[in-house]
N, C-alpha and C. Protein backbone atom coordinates (compact mmCIF):
# COMPACT_ATOMS: atom_id res chain seq x y z
N UNK A 1 131.85 138.46 63.47
CA UNK A 1 130.89 139.20 64.05
C UNK A 1 130.96 139.38 65.56
N UNK A 2 131.45 140.59 66.09
CA UNK A 2 131.61 140.67 67.64
C UNK A 2 130.05 140.91 68.32
N UNK A 3 129.96 139.91 69.25
CA UNK A 3 128.63 140.03 70.02
C UNK A 3 128.93 140.78 71.15
N UNK A 4 127.78 141.91 71.28
CA UNK A 4 127.93 142.93 72.28
C UNK A 4 126.61 142.96 72.93
N UNK A 5 126.58 143.68 74.05
CA UNK A 5 125.46 143.93 74.87
C UNK A 5 125.54 145.25 75.30
N UNK A 6 124.16 146.13 75.50
CA UNK A 6 124.13 147.41 75.90
C UNK A 6 123.48 147.54 77.21
N UNK A 7 124.08 148.38 78.07
CA UNK A 7 123.44 148.69 79.53
C UNK A 7 123.40 150.21 79.64
N UNK A 8 122.20 150.70 79.58
CA UNK A 8 121.90 152.13 79.78
C UNK A 8 120.55 152.22 80.13
N UNK A 9 119.98 153.03 81.07
CA UNK A 9 118.79 153.23 81.62
C UNK A 9 117.79 154.03 80.80
N UNK A 10 118.27 154.45 79.49
CA UNK A 10 117.51 155.23 78.57
C UNK A 10 117.36 154.38 77.41
N UNK A 11 116.06 153.72 77.32
CA UNK A 11 115.61 152.85 76.21
C UNK A 11 115.70 153.45 74.69
N UNK A 12 115.51 154.58 74.60
CA UNK A 12 115.62 155.32 73.23
C UNK A 12 117.05 155.20 72.81
N UNK A 13 118.02 155.49 73.80
CA UNK A 13 119.43 155.50 73.54
C UNK A 13 119.71 154.17 73.02
N UNK A 14 119.54 153.25 73.74
CA UNK A 14 119.79 151.97 73.49
C UNK A 14 119.32 151.43 72.13
N UNK A 15 118.28 151.93 72.02
CA UNK A 15 117.28 151.32 70.78
C UNK A 15 118.17 152.07 69.57
N UNK A 16 118.67 153.21 69.50
CA UNK A 16 119.34 153.97 68.53
C UNK A 16 120.70 153.42 68.33
N UNK A 17 121.35 153.13 69.45
CA UNK A 17 122.61 152.65 69.37
C UNK A 17 122.75 151.13 68.82
N UNK A 18 121.79 150.50 69.09
CA UNK A 18 121.80 149.18 68.72
C UNK A 18 121.59 149.14 67.26
N UNK A 19 120.76 149.91 66.68
CA UNK A 19 120.32 150.01 65.43
C UNK A 19 121.66 150.63 64.44
N UNK A 20 122.18 151.67 64.88
CA UNK A 20 123.57 152.28 64.38
C UNK A 20 124.54 151.17 64.27
N UNK A 21 124.97 150.27 65.26
CA UNK A 21 125.98 149.73 65.27
C UNK A 21 125.90 148.34 64.70
N UNK A 22 124.42 147.83 64.67
CA UNK A 22 124.34 146.67 63.92
C UNK A 22 124.38 146.81 62.44
N UNK A 23 123.90 148.07 61.98
CA UNK A 23 123.91 148.66 60.65
C UNK A 23 125.48 148.45 60.01
N UNK A 24 126.22 148.61 60.69
CA UNK A 24 127.88 148.63 60.44
C UNK A 24 128.13 147.08 59.92
N UNK A 25 127.27 146.02 60.31
CA UNK A 25 127.81 144.67 59.85
C UNK A 25 128.99 144.17 60.68
N UNK A 26 129.45 144.76 61.75
CA UNK A 26 130.46 144.37 62.30
C UNK A 26 130.11 143.94 63.70
N UNK A 27 129.04 144.07 64.24
CA UNK A 27 128.92 143.76 65.47
C UNK A 27 127.18 143.06 65.60
N UNK A 28 126.83 142.48 66.38
CA UNK A 28 125.46 141.99 66.95
C UNK A 28 125.36 142.26 68.22
N UNK A 29 124.25 142.97 68.24
CA UNK A 29 123.81 143.35 69.73
C UNK A 29 122.70 142.27 70.28
N UNK A 30 123.38 141.31 71.11
CA UNK A 30 122.48 140.24 71.53
C UNK A 30 121.45 140.53 72.82
N UNK A 31 121.84 141.31 73.54
CA UNK A 31 121.15 141.64 74.70
C UNK A 31 121.10 143.36 75.19
N UNK A 32 120.25 143.60 75.93
CA UNK A 32 120.10 144.90 76.64
C UNK A 32 119.56 144.74 77.86
N UNK A 33 120.06 145.96 78.64
CA UNK A 33 119.73 145.97 80.20
C UNK A 33 119.54 147.58 80.53
N UNK A 34 118.61 147.82 81.27
CA UNK A 34 118.18 149.32 81.82
C UNK A 34 118.42 149.51 83.17
N UNK A 35 119.02 148.48 83.90
CA UNK A 35 119.48 148.66 85.13
C UNK A 35 120.51 147.77 85.74
N UNK A 36 121.20 148.14 86.82
CA UNK A 36 122.23 147.27 87.27
C UNK A 36 121.86 145.95 87.47
N UNK A 37 120.67 145.79 88.11
CA UNK A 37 120.15 144.46 88.25
C UNK A 37 120.06 143.55 86.89
N UNK A 38 119.57 144.19 86.03
CA UNK A 38 119.43 143.69 84.57
C UNK A 38 120.75 143.38 83.95
N UNK A 39 121.64 144.32 84.16
CA UNK A 39 122.96 143.95 83.61
C UNK A 39 123.55 142.83 84.13
N UNK A 40 123.25 142.64 85.51
CA UNK A 40 123.83 141.43 86.14
C UNK A 40 123.09 140.12 85.75
N UNK A 41 122.10 140.07 85.41
CA UNK A 41 121.26 139.25 84.81
C UNK A 41 121.80 138.76 83.57
N UNK A 42 121.73 139.84 82.75
CA UNK A 42 122.53 139.73 81.31
C UNK A 42 123.96 138.93 81.34
N UNK A 43 124.60 139.32 82.13
CA UNK A 43 125.97 138.78 82.21
C UNK A 43 125.84 137.19 82.66
N UNK A 44 125.03 136.96 83.31
CA UNK A 44 124.70 135.60 83.76
C UNK A 44 124.01 134.66 82.76
N UNK A 45 122.99 135.32 81.86
CA UNK A 45 122.25 134.53 81.02
C UNK A 45 123.09 134.61 79.57
N UNK A 46 123.85 135.49 79.32
CA UNK A 46 124.39 135.65 78.04
C UNK A 46 126.05 135.57 77.76
N UNK A 47 126.43 134.30 78.27
CA UNK A 47 127.81 134.10 78.35
C UNK A 47 128.50 134.38 76.83
N UNK A 48 127.87 134.28 75.81
CA UNK A 48 128.25 134.85 74.55
C UNK A 48 128.75 136.16 74.37
N UNK A 49 128.39 137.13 75.15
CA UNK A 49 128.52 138.28 75.02
C UNK A 49 130.00 138.59 75.09
N UNK A 50 130.70 139.45 74.12
CA UNK A 50 132.18 139.52 74.23
C UNK A 50 132.39 141.05 74.71
N UNK A 51 131.66 141.89 74.28
CA UNK A 51 131.53 143.43 74.89
C UNK A 51 130.41 143.83 75.49
N UNK A 52 130.44 144.59 76.72
CA UNK A 52 129.38 145.24 77.09
C UNK A 52 129.76 146.68 77.16
N UNK A 53 128.80 147.48 76.40
CA UNK A 53 128.93 148.79 76.46
C UNK A 53 127.92 149.23 77.51
N UNK A 54 128.71 149.96 78.63
CA UNK A 54 127.89 150.28 80.02
C UNK A 54 127.73 151.68 80.42
N UNK A 55 126.81 152.13 80.68
CA UNK A 55 126.76 153.76 81.28
C UNK A 55 127.15 153.50 82.70
N UNK A 56 127.48 154.58 83.31
CA UNK A 56 127.92 154.69 84.69
C UNK A 56 127.04 154.78 85.80
N UNK A 57 125.84 155.79 85.22
CA UNK A 57 124.53 155.96 86.21
C UNK A 57 123.44 155.25 85.80
N UNK A 58 122.93 154.63 86.87
CA UNK A 58 121.74 153.86 86.87
C UNK A 58 120.84 154.18 87.95
N UNK A 59 119.40 153.80 87.85
CA UNK A 59 118.61 154.23 89.23
C UNK A 59 119.02 153.39 90.18
N UNK A 60 119.46 152.16 90.03
CA UNK A 60 119.85 151.28 91.19
C UNK A 60 121.33 150.94 91.63
N UNK A 61 122.21 151.92 91.10
CA UNK A 61 123.52 151.49 91.38
C UNK A 61 124.36 152.19 90.20
N UNK A 62 125.58 151.82 89.96
CA UNK A 62 126.54 152.34 89.10
C UNK A 62 127.31 151.33 88.13
N UNK A 63 127.89 151.68 87.12
CA UNK A 63 128.67 150.80 86.05
C UNK A 63 129.73 150.22 86.59
N UNK A 64 130.19 150.73 87.83
CA UNK A 64 131.29 150.19 88.45
C UNK A 64 131.14 148.76 89.04
N UNK A 65 129.73 148.86 89.60
CA UNK A 65 129.34 147.54 90.41
C UNK A 65 128.93 146.60 89.19
N UNK A 66 128.67 146.86 88.00
CA UNK A 66 128.42 145.83 86.94
C UNK A 66 129.83 145.42 86.75
N UNK A 67 130.74 146.23 86.51
CA UNK A 67 132.19 145.78 86.27
C UNK A 67 132.81 144.73 87.38
N UNK A 68 132.35 144.94 88.30
CA UNK A 68 132.75 144.09 89.58
C UNK A 68 132.14 142.89 89.45
N UNK A 69 130.98 142.87 89.28
CA UNK A 69 130.17 141.65 88.99
C UNK A 69 130.68 140.74 87.82
N UNK A 70 131.01 141.36 86.99
CA UNK A 70 131.52 140.68 85.67
C UNK A 70 132.77 140.18 86.01
N UNK A 71 133.66 140.63 86.95
CA UNK A 71 134.99 140.05 87.35
C UNK A 71 134.76 138.75 87.85
N UNK A 72 133.77 138.46 88.68
CA UNK A 72 133.36 137.41 89.23
C UNK A 72 132.54 136.41 88.63
N UNK A 73 131.61 136.73 87.92
CA UNK A 73 130.62 135.91 87.21
C UNK A 73 130.82 135.67 85.79
N UNK A 74 131.55 136.78 85.06
CA UNK A 74 131.61 136.50 83.58
C UNK A 74 133.04 137.16 83.09
N UNK A 75 134.07 136.44 83.53
CA UNK A 75 135.29 137.21 83.17
C UNK A 75 135.58 137.31 81.77
N UNK A 76 135.09 136.80 81.02
CA UNK A 76 135.49 136.80 79.60
C UNK A 76 134.85 138.11 78.97
N UNK A 77 133.72 138.68 79.60
CA UNK A 77 133.26 139.92 78.90
C UNK A 77 134.04 141.15 79.16
N UNK A 78 134.32 141.89 78.16
CA UNK A 78 135.12 143.13 78.43
C UNK A 78 134.30 144.40 78.36
N UNK A 79 134.19 145.34 79.34
CA UNK A 79 133.60 146.30 79.58
C UNK A 79 134.00 147.63 78.96
N UNK A 80 133.13 148.41 78.20
CA UNK A 80 133.63 149.92 77.73
C UNK A 80 132.46 150.71 78.39
N UNK A 81 133.09 151.55 79.13
CA UNK A 81 132.21 152.58 79.71
C UNK A 81 131.58 153.53 78.51
N UNK A 82 130.45 154.02 78.51
CA UNK A 82 129.93 154.70 77.58
C UNK A 82 128.98 155.90 78.45
N UNK A 83 129.57 157.10 78.52
CA UNK A 83 128.88 157.92 79.54
C UNK A 83 128.99 159.34 79.13
N UNK A 84 128.17 160.14 79.87
CA UNK A 84 128.43 161.69 79.71
C UNK A 84 129.53 162.17 80.46
N UNK A 85 129.96 161.77 81.53
CA UNK A 85 131.21 162.19 82.10
C UNK A 85 132.58 162.16 81.49
N UNK A 86 132.93 163.39 81.33
CA UNK A 86 134.29 163.49 80.57
C UNK A 86 135.21 163.81 81.54
N UNK A 87 135.04 163.95 82.84
CA UNK A 87 136.03 164.31 83.84
C UNK A 87 137.14 163.23 84.06
N UNK A 88 138.35 163.67 84.17
CA UNK A 88 139.49 162.69 84.37
C UNK A 88 139.24 161.82 85.70
N UNK A 89 138.51 162.16 86.61
CA UNK A 89 138.23 161.42 87.77
C UNK A 89 137.56 160.19 87.30
N UNK A 90 136.54 160.17 86.64
CA UNK A 90 135.94 159.20 86.13
C UNK A 90 136.51 158.15 85.28
N UNK A 91 137.41 158.70 84.43
CA UNK A 91 138.28 157.85 83.57
C UNK A 91 139.35 157.19 84.39
N UNK A 92 139.81 157.76 85.44
CA UNK A 92 140.83 157.27 86.21
C UNK A 92 140.25 156.07 87.14
N UNK A 93 139.23 156.30 87.71
CA UNK A 93 138.28 155.22 88.42
C UNK A 93 138.08 153.83 87.23
N UNK A 94 137.85 154.28 86.15
CA UNK A 94 137.38 153.23 85.05
C UNK A 94 138.87 152.40 84.82
N UNK A 95 139.72 152.98 84.68
CA UNK A 95 141.30 152.47 84.63
C UNK A 95 141.45 151.58 85.71
N UNK A 96 141.30 152.12 86.95
CA UNK A 96 141.62 151.30 88.10
C UNK A 96 140.71 150.15 88.18
N UNK A 97 139.35 150.30 87.97
CA UNK A 97 138.50 149.26 88.11
C UNK A 97 138.78 148.12 87.12
N UNK A 98 139.45 148.44 85.99
CA UNK A 98 139.76 147.27 85.05
C UNK A 98 139.10 147.43 83.58
N UNK A 99 138.30 148.42 83.32
CA UNK A 99 137.38 148.58 82.19
C UNK A 99 138.37 148.76 81.01
N UNK A 100 137.90 148.00 79.69
CA UNK A 100 138.58 147.91 78.67
C UNK A 100 138.49 149.29 77.68
N UNK A 101 137.63 150.07 78.00
CA UNK A 101 137.66 151.31 77.27
C UNK A 101 136.85 152.47 78.13
N UNK A 102 136.71 153.55 77.59
CA UNK A 102 135.95 154.63 78.30
C UNK A 102 135.75 155.66 77.15
N UNK A 103 134.35 155.86 76.85
CA UNK A 103 133.94 156.93 75.71
C UNK A 103 132.88 157.77 76.43
N UNK A 104 132.80 159.08 75.64
CA UNK A 104 131.57 159.80 76.09
C UNK A 104 130.56 159.46 75.08
N UNK A 105 129.22 159.86 75.33
CA UNK A 105 128.23 159.34 74.60
C UNK A 105 128.15 160.32 73.14
N UNK A 106 128.75 161.44 73.14
CA UNK A 106 129.01 162.07 72.02
C UNK A 106 130.05 161.62 70.96
N UNK A 107 130.34 160.39 71.18
CA UNK A 107 131.51 159.69 70.36
C UNK A 107 130.83 159.34 69.19
N UNK A 108 131.72 159.57 68.02
CA UNK A 108 131.04 159.16 66.61
C UNK A 108 131.11 157.57 66.57
N UNK A 109 130.15 157.00 65.62
CA UNK A 109 130.01 155.76 65.32
C UNK A 109 131.25 155.06 65.04
N UNK A 110 132.29 155.70 64.22
CA UNK A 110 133.52 155.14 63.91
C UNK A 110 134.22 154.83 65.12
N UNK A 111 134.36 155.67 66.17
CA UNK A 111 135.16 155.77 67.46
C UNK A 111 134.51 154.53 68.23
N UNK A 112 133.40 154.41 68.29
CA UNK A 112 132.58 153.40 68.88
C UNK A 112 133.00 152.02 68.45
N UNK A 113 132.91 151.75 67.16
CA UNK A 113 133.47 150.62 66.61
C UNK A 113 134.95 150.45 66.73
N UNK A 114 135.67 151.46 66.72
CA UNK A 114 137.18 151.30 67.06
C UNK A 114 137.31 150.82 68.49
N UNK A 115 136.60 151.39 69.39
CA UNK A 115 136.57 150.83 70.86
C UNK A 115 136.27 149.41 70.98
N UNK A 116 135.27 148.86 70.27
CA UNK A 116 134.71 147.65 70.49
C UNK A 116 135.69 146.67 69.83
N UNK A 117 136.36 147.08 68.63
CA UNK A 117 137.39 146.11 68.05
C UNK A 117 138.66 146.31 68.57
N UNK A 118 138.99 147.17 69.45
CA UNK A 118 140.24 147.14 70.17
C UNK A 118 140.07 146.31 71.46
N UNK A 119 138.92 146.42 72.16
CA UNK A 119 138.53 145.70 73.36
C UNK A 119 138.64 144.25 72.75
N UNK A 120 137.85 143.76 71.75
CA UNK A 120 137.77 142.64 71.34
C UNK A 120 139.38 142.00 71.12
N UNK A 121 140.13 142.56 70.79
CA UNK A 121 141.28 142.30 70.46
C UNK A 121 142.52 142.10 71.75
N UNK A 122 141.59 142.75 72.85
CA UNK A 122 142.31 142.79 74.21
C UNK A 122 143.20 143.92 74.39
N UNK A 123 142.82 145.12 73.70
CA UNK A 123 143.60 146.39 73.75
C UNK A 123 142.66 147.28 74.58
N UNK A 124 143.14 148.26 75.27
CA UNK A 124 142.27 149.33 75.89
C UNK A 124 141.94 150.51 74.92
N UNK A 125 140.82 151.00 75.28
CA UNK A 125 140.61 152.16 74.22
C UNK A 125 140.12 153.34 75.25
N UNK A 126 140.54 154.54 74.97
CA UNK A 126 139.90 155.80 75.76
C UNK A 126 139.73 156.77 74.57
N UNK A 127 138.45 157.13 74.73
CA UNK A 127 137.98 158.19 73.67
C UNK A 127 138.56 159.49 73.32
N UNK A 128 138.45 159.87 72.25
CA UNK A 128 139.27 161.29 71.67
C UNK A 128 138.86 162.34 72.68
N UNK A 129 137.66 162.38 73.11
CA UNK A 129 137.04 163.41 74.00
C UNK A 129 137.81 163.60 75.28
N UNK A 130 137.87 162.37 75.86
CA UNK A 130 138.52 162.33 77.28
C UNK A 130 140.06 162.55 77.26
N UNK A 131 140.69 162.16 75.99
CA UNK A 131 142.10 162.35 75.94
C UNK A 131 142.30 163.73 75.53
N UNK A 132 141.51 164.24 74.78
CA UNK A 132 141.53 165.69 74.30
C UNK A 132 141.60 166.72 75.47
N UNK A 133 140.67 166.08 76.32
CA UNK A 133 140.57 167.08 77.50
C UNK A 133 141.96 166.95 78.31
N UNK A 134 142.39 165.86 78.38
CA UNK A 134 143.72 165.73 79.21
C UNK A 134 144.82 166.41 78.60
N UNK A 135 144.97 166.46 77.30
CA UNK A 135 145.91 167.07 76.53
C UNK A 135 145.73 168.53 76.75
N UNK A 136 144.40 168.96 76.65
CA UNK A 136 144.29 170.44 76.75
C UNK A 136 144.54 171.13 77.92
N UNK A 137 144.68 170.27 78.84
CA UNK A 137 144.96 170.75 80.13
C UNK A 137 146.68 170.45 80.71
N UNK A 138 147.24 170.10 79.85
CA UNK A 138 148.59 169.65 79.88
C UNK A 138 149.63 170.61 80.21
N UNK A 139 149.23 171.90 79.60
CA UNK A 139 150.13 173.13 79.73
C UNK A 139 149.59 173.99 80.61
N UNK A 140 148.44 173.75 81.39
CA UNK A 140 147.95 174.86 82.14
C UNK A 140 148.54 174.56 83.47
N UNK A 141 149.13 175.57 83.96
CA UNK A 141 150.02 175.55 85.37
C UNK A 141 148.99 175.00 86.37
N UNK A 142 149.71 174.05 87.03
CA UNK A 142 148.92 173.53 88.28
C UNK A 142 149.98 172.53 88.93
N UNK A 143 149.70 172.30 90.19
CA UNK A 143 150.60 171.48 90.97
C UNK A 143 150.79 170.17 90.55
N UNK A 144 149.63 169.61 90.18
CA UNK A 144 149.72 168.09 89.79
C UNK A 144 150.80 167.84 88.78
N UNK A 145 150.45 168.53 87.70
CA UNK A 145 151.53 168.30 86.49
C UNK A 145 152.82 168.79 86.72
N UNK A 146 153.23 169.50 87.82
CA UNK A 146 154.73 169.73 87.95
C UNK A 146 155.50 168.58 88.25
N UNK A 147 154.58 167.46 88.45
CA UNK A 147 155.56 166.08 88.75
C UNK A 147 156.18 165.75 87.38
N UNK A 148 155.59 166.01 86.20
CA UNK A 148 156.00 165.63 85.01
C UNK A 148 157.06 166.52 84.56
N UNK A 149 156.81 167.92 84.91
CA UNK A 149 157.73 168.97 84.54
C UNK A 149 159.13 168.62 85.44
N UNK A 150 159.14 168.00 86.49
CA UNK A 150 160.32 167.91 87.27
C UNK A 150 161.07 166.60 86.80
N UNK A 151 160.33 165.57 86.37
CA UNK A 151 161.24 164.35 86.04
C UNK A 151 161.49 164.23 84.72
N UNK A 152 160.56 164.91 83.57
CA UNK A 152 160.85 164.92 82.12
C UNK A 152 161.49 165.96 81.59
N UNK A 153 162.33 165.68 80.62
CA UNK A 153 162.86 166.81 79.77
C UNK A 153 161.93 167.41 78.87
N UNK A 154 162.00 168.70 78.22
CA UNK A 154 161.22 169.39 77.35
C UNK A 154 160.81 168.49 76.25
N UNK A 155 161.65 167.63 75.51
CA UNK A 155 161.23 166.78 74.61
C UNK A 155 160.51 165.67 75.03
N UNK A 156 160.82 165.03 76.19
CA UNK A 156 159.94 164.02 76.82
C UNK A 156 158.68 164.56 76.96
N UNK A 157 158.63 165.63 77.44
CA UNK A 157 157.09 166.29 77.64
C UNK A 157 156.23 166.09 76.28
N UNK A 158 156.98 166.62 75.13
CA UNK A 158 156.39 166.61 74.02
C UNK A 158 155.83 165.20 73.49
N UNK A 159 156.80 164.34 73.81
CA UNK A 159 156.42 162.87 73.45
C UNK A 159 155.28 162.30 74.34
N UNK A 160 155.26 162.62 75.57
CA UNK A 160 154.14 162.41 76.55
C UNK A 160 152.89 162.83 76.10
N UNK A 161 152.89 164.05 75.78
CA UNK A 161 151.65 164.73 75.02
C UNK A 161 150.93 163.90 74.03
N UNK A 162 151.83 163.46 73.15
CA UNK A 162 151.58 162.65 71.95
C UNK A 162 151.04 161.03 72.38
N UNK A 163 151.70 160.49 73.13
CA UNK A 163 151.51 159.30 73.89
C UNK A 163 149.96 159.35 74.45
N UNK A 164 149.65 160.55 75.28
CA UNK A 164 148.50 160.66 75.75
C UNK A 164 147.26 160.79 74.55
N UNK A 165 147.68 161.41 73.43
CA UNK A 165 146.70 161.61 72.40
C UNK A 165 146.39 160.26 71.84
N UNK A 166 147.19 159.32 72.05
CA UNK A 166 146.98 158.02 71.46
C UNK A 166 147.85 157.66 70.22
N UNK A 167 149.10 158.33 70.15
CA UNK A 167 149.98 157.90 68.82
C UNK A 167 150.88 156.99 69.32
N UNK A 168 151.17 156.02 68.24
CA UNK A 168 152.21 155.04 68.57
C UNK A 168 153.54 155.49 68.16
N UNK A 169 154.45 154.58 68.49
CA UNK A 169 155.95 155.13 68.26
C UNK A 169 156.31 155.55 66.99
N UNK A 170 155.63 154.88 65.99
CA UNK A 170 155.99 155.23 64.51
C UNK A 170 155.24 156.67 64.05
N UNK A 171 153.94 156.84 64.72
CA UNK A 171 153.38 158.07 64.44
C UNK A 171 154.15 159.23 65.26
N UNK A 172 154.47 158.89 66.53
CA UNK A 172 155.36 160.00 67.29
C UNK A 172 156.67 160.43 66.54
N UNK A 173 157.16 159.39 65.91
CA UNK A 173 158.45 159.58 65.00
C UNK A 173 158.07 160.65 63.85
N UNK A 174 157.07 160.27 63.19
CA UNK A 174 156.70 161.11 62.01
C UNK A 174 156.21 162.55 62.44
N UNK A 175 155.64 162.58 63.66
CA UNK A 175 155.09 163.97 64.14
C UNK A 175 156.31 164.77 64.59
N UNK A 176 157.17 164.19 65.18
CA UNK A 176 158.44 165.03 65.63
C UNK A 176 159.72 164.94 64.73
N UNK A 177 159.56 164.51 63.45
CA UNK A 177 160.59 164.46 62.50
C UNK A 177 161.89 163.65 63.19
N UNK A 178 161.73 162.58 63.91
CA UNK A 178 162.96 161.80 64.38
C UNK A 178 162.59 160.31 64.00
N UNK A 179 163.61 159.59 64.21
CA UNK A 179 163.76 158.12 63.89
C UNK A 179 162.77 157.34 64.71
N UNK A 180 162.41 156.06 64.36
CA UNK A 180 161.34 155.40 65.04
C UNK A 180 162.12 154.89 66.35
N UNK A 181 163.38 154.67 66.10
CA UNK A 181 164.32 154.21 67.14
C UNK A 181 164.32 155.24 68.36
N UNK A 182 164.51 156.56 67.98
CA UNK A 182 164.71 157.59 68.71
C UNK A 182 163.22 157.63 69.69
N UNK A 183 162.22 157.73 68.85
CA UNK A 183 161.05 157.87 69.47
C UNK A 183 160.68 156.64 70.56
N UNK A 184 161.01 155.53 70.21
CA UNK A 184 161.10 154.43 71.08
C UNK A 184 161.81 154.67 72.24
N UNK A 185 162.94 155.28 72.23
CA UNK A 185 163.99 155.46 73.48
C UNK A 185 163.46 156.53 74.26
N UNK A 186 162.64 157.56 73.73
CA UNK A 186 161.78 158.56 74.42
C UNK A 186 161.04 157.96 75.42
N UNK A 187 160.08 157.33 74.59
CA UNK A 187 158.99 156.48 75.24
C UNK A 187 159.47 155.52 76.34
N UNK A 188 160.51 154.77 76.10
CA UNK A 188 161.06 153.93 77.28
C UNK A 188 161.55 154.84 78.18
N UNK A 189 162.24 155.85 78.02
CA UNK A 189 162.70 156.79 79.15
C UNK A 189 161.57 157.42 79.91
N UNK A 190 160.54 157.70 79.23
CA UNK A 190 159.35 158.43 80.02
C UNK A 190 158.92 157.23 81.14
N UNK A 191 158.67 156.00 80.49
CA UNK A 191 158.12 155.02 81.47
C UNK A 191 159.07 154.86 82.55
N UNK A 192 160.22 154.70 82.35
CA UNK A 192 161.37 154.42 83.37
C UNK A 192 161.42 155.62 84.26
N UNK A 193 161.22 156.87 83.91
CA UNK A 193 161.27 158.01 84.69
C UNK A 193 160.15 158.14 85.61
N UNK A 194 158.98 157.79 85.07
CA UNK A 194 157.66 157.88 85.93
C UNK A 194 157.28 156.67 86.55
N UNK A 195 158.35 155.75 86.40
CA UNK A 195 158.34 154.31 87.11
C UNK A 195 156.96 153.55 86.96
N UNK A 196 156.77 153.48 85.73
CA UNK A 196 155.50 152.66 85.34
C UNK A 196 155.92 151.47 84.04
N UNK A 197 155.16 150.59 83.86
CA UNK A 197 155.23 149.51 83.04
C UNK A 197 154.86 149.57 81.55
N UNK A 198 153.79 150.55 81.52
CA UNK A 198 153.34 150.50 80.34
C UNK A 198 152.54 151.89 79.97
N UNK A 199 152.10 151.97 78.95
CA UNK A 199 151.26 153.09 78.57
C UNK A 199 149.98 153.31 79.42
N UNK A 200 149.30 152.14 79.64
CA UNK A 200 148.10 152.42 80.44
C UNK A 200 148.25 152.94 81.64
N UNK A 201 149.33 152.49 82.44
CA UNK A 201 149.84 152.79 83.66
C UNK A 201 150.30 154.54 83.64
N UNK A 202 150.83 154.68 82.53
CA UNK A 202 151.30 156.11 82.38
C UNK A 202 150.01 157.05 82.33
N UNK A 203 148.97 156.69 81.53
CA UNK A 203 147.72 157.40 81.41
C UNK A 203 147.12 157.42 82.87
N UNK A 204 147.12 156.57 83.50
CA UNK A 204 146.52 156.36 84.80
C UNK A 204 147.27 157.40 85.69
N UNK A 205 148.76 157.29 85.63
CA UNK A 205 149.32 158.09 86.48
C UNK A 205 149.06 159.80 86.21
N UNK A 206 149.06 160.04 84.81
CA UNK A 206 148.69 161.41 84.32
C UNK A 206 147.32 161.79 84.84
N UNK A 207 146.30 160.90 84.81
CA UNK A 207 144.95 161.18 85.16
C UNK A 207 144.93 161.59 86.83
N UNK A 208 145.90 160.92 87.41
CA UNK A 208 145.79 161.06 88.85
C UNK A 208 146.42 162.40 89.33
N UNK A 209 147.24 162.96 88.43
CA UNK A 209 147.67 164.22 88.47
C UNK A 209 146.95 165.37 87.86
N UNK A 210 146.09 165.01 87.12
CA UNK A 210 145.21 166.10 86.34
C UNK A 210 144.45 166.76 87.13
């Protein structure tokens, strides 16, 4: 069972989330915090915590401050931001800060559990809402996205959209009716043309141009 903690300044929300998540039988909520100061104390006093679901806005600071504190005093904990902010700028900052995930508070229980499971296994997870917003804006004419139009082919742009949606190579192949090897080649070509090493860096690059 994955041991998690919650950091949010709304007590009712923490209580409801703790109840929902523990009812799944997959996680155990071992601690809660309502301020940045309490979150820092939590990180010090509960080294058993694997995942911290953390809001961004607090009365005495923000979640990024909690993340920076964790890097110094509890490097083992993995932080998933759970917030009302669905703008790409917040997600970009989360990626740059080293968060393992980013979800909006209207995420379904199943997605919360998927994010926790992914973070627990060392994988980053970004919510469907934020990724959908990114994809929705992909075809809107704007100066930022011209970068991708200039360096990628039409087919590569299609593959890029599916990567942003969170599809893996096998799923992209099925979606576009191409072989898995061809899908992998497109994926590698996109990374090379965009001068990034992995999908996380690719998403970060896209958010910077969003």
